[in-house]
Protein backbone atom coordinates (compact mmCIF):
# COMPACT_ATOMS: atom_id res chain seq x y z
CA MET A 1 0.44 -42.46 -5.30
CA LYS A 2 0.49 -39.50 -7.68
CA LYS A 3 -3.00 -38.47 -6.56
CA ILE A 4 -1.95 -38.38 -2.92
CA ILE A 5 1.10 -36.26 -3.71
CA ILE A 6 -1.00 -33.85 -5.78
CA CYS A 7 -3.62 -33.57 -3.04
CA LEU A 8 -1.01 -32.94 -0.37
CA THR A 9 0.70 -30.32 -2.53
CA ILE A 10 -2.56 -28.47 -3.16
CA PHE A 11 -3.51 -28.67 0.52
CA SER A 12 -0.06 -27.36 1.52
CA MET A 13 -0.44 -24.38 -0.80
CA LEU A 14 -3.89 -23.64 0.62
CA ASN A 15 -2.39 -23.42 4.12
CA LEU A 16 -0.86 -20.10 3.13
CA VAL A 17 -4.36 -18.60 3.10
CA GLY A 18 -6.57 -18.20 6.16
CA CYS A 19 -9.80 -16.57 7.24
CA SER A 20 -9.62 -13.36 9.21
CA PHE A 21 -11.87 -10.57 10.46
CA HIS A 22 -11.21 -6.91 9.72
CA LYS A 23 -13.04 -4.19 11.62
CA GLN A 24 -12.64 -0.45 11.44
CA MET A 25 -13.95 1.52 14.41
CA THR A 26 -13.37 4.41 16.76
CA HIS A 27 -11.85 4.06 20.21
CA GLY A 28 -15.29 4.16 21.85
CA GLU A 29 -16.50 1.13 19.90
CA PHE A 30 -13.42 -1.04 20.47
CA ASN A 31 -13.05 -3.47 23.40
CA PHE A 32 -9.35 -3.37 24.30
CA GLU A 33 -9.61 -6.56 26.35
CA ASP A 34 -9.84 -8.74 23.21
CA ASN A 35 -6.74 -10.14 21.52
CA TRP A 36 -6.54 -8.36 18.13
CA ASP A 37 -3.77 -7.17 15.83
CA LEU A 38 -4.29 -3.41 15.54
CA GLN A 39 -3.52 -0.56 13.22
CA VAL A 40 -4.01 2.59 15.29
CA THR A 41 -4.23 5.93 13.51
CA THR A 42 -3.65 9.14 15.44
CA LYS A 43 -3.35 12.69 14.09
CA ASP A 44 0.41 12.31 13.63
CA THR A 45 1.19 8.64 13.03
CA THR A 46 -0.17 5.22 12.16
CA TYR A 47 1.03 2.32 14.32
CA ALA A 48 0.88 -1.36 13.36
CA ILE A 49 0.60 -3.26 16.64
CA SER A 50 0.75 -7.00 17.23
CA SER A 51 -1.71 -8.57 19.65
CA ASN A 52 1.10 -9.28 22.13
CA ASP A 53 2.58 -5.77 22.06
CA TYR A 54 -0.09 -3.68 23.77
CA TYR A 55 -2.26 -3.44 26.85
CA TYR A 56 -4.94 -1.01 27.95
CA ALA A 57 -5.25 0.72 31.32
CA ASN A 58 -6.61 4.04 32.61
CA ASP A 59 -7.84 5.29 29.20
CA THR A 60 -4.35 4.83 27.74
CA LEU A 61 -3.02 2.30 25.25
CA PHE A 62 0.48 1.18 26.23
CA VAL A 63 2.29 -0.02 23.11
CA LYS A 64 5.67 -1.54 22.24
CA VAL A 65 6.64 -0.31 18.75
CA PRO A 66 9.75 -1.35 16.82
CA VAL A 67 12.44 1.31 16.40
CA GLN A 68 15.37 0.99 13.99
CA LEU A 69 18.58 1.87 15.87
CA ASP A 70 20.97 1.36 12.96
CA LYS A 71 21.06 -0.70 9.77
CA ARG A 72 21.18 -4.04 11.58
CA THR A 73 19.80 -3.36 15.03
CA SER A 74 16.24 -2.70 16.08
CA ALA A 75 14.55 -2.52 19.45
CA LYS A 76 11.08 -2.06 20.88
CA GLN A 77 10.21 1.24 22.47
CA LYS A 78 7.30 1.66 24.86
CA ILE A 79 4.94 4.53 24.09
CA ASN A 80 1.66 5.67 25.59
CA ILE A 81 -1.25 6.59 23.34
CA PRO A 82 -4.13 8.37 25.08
CA VAL A 83 -7.42 6.96 23.84
CA GLU A 84 -8.74 10.45 23.09
CA SER A 85 -5.99 10.98 20.48
CA ILE A 86 -6.93 7.83 18.53
CA GLU A 87 -8.89 8.62 15.37
CA ILE A 88 -9.38 5.16 13.84
CA ILE A 89 -8.63 1.62 14.96
CA GLU A 90 -8.43 -1.14 12.37
CA ALA A 91 -8.54 -4.52 14.07
CA GLN A 92 -7.65 -7.87 12.53
CA LYS A 93 -8.11 -11.32 14.04
CA MET A 94 -7.68 -14.79 12.60
CA ASP A 95 -10.76 -17.02 12.51
CA VAL A 96 -9.33 -20.43 13.32
CA LEU A 97 -12.66 -22.26 13.14
CA GLY A 98 -13.49 -20.84 9.71
CA THR A 99 -10.03 -21.67 8.38
CA VAL A 100 -10.21 -25.26 9.66
CA ALA A 101 -13.72 -25.70 8.21
CA ILE A 102 -12.67 -24.46 4.76
CA PHE A 103 -9.51 -26.57 4.65
CA GLY A 104 -11.39 -29.61 5.96
CA ALA A 105 -14.04 -29.27 3.25
CA ILE A 106 -11.40 -28.84 0.54
CA ALA A 107 -9.42 -31.83 1.84
CA PHE A 108 -12.58 -33.96 1.93
CA VAL A 109 -13.49 -33.03 -1.66
CA LEU A 110 -9.93 -33.67 -2.87
CA TYR A 111 -9.85 -37.04 -1.10
CA ALA A 112 -13.26 -37.98 -2.52
CA LEU A 113 -12.15 -37.03 -6.03
CA SER A 114 -8.90 -38.94 -5.70
CA THR A 115 -10.66 -42.16 -4.64
CA MET A 116 -13.48 -42.00 -7.21
CA GLY A 117 -11.31 -43.52 -9.94
CA ASP A 118 -10.47 -46.49 -7.70
CA PHE A 119 -14.13 -47.37 -7.05
CA SER A 120 -15.43 -50.24 -9.17
CA PRO A 121 -18.99 -51.50 -8.57
């Protein structure tokens, strides 16, 4: 029973880590139709944008950015970023298949190690 609890605890801690892709590119290299979390750098500002908070149309990136109204209240403001003003785009996306494969392999190894002591030929 202790082995199962230890394995589940280790596996639960490993769930905090996942596989992800990071790409740094210019606006000409990026396909805005994909679903990525973005960090867009312009001459003036850097915006951290969630995958659900932007869309692309007519060479313009339409973005909802959080704005702090007072100490307790925040809202999302819509801004337009022309693609020509974007210097660098850093894109991040989670790799679900890679994460599942790594955790599956670790779980299999932990399970195999936990049952090895119980095996008696």
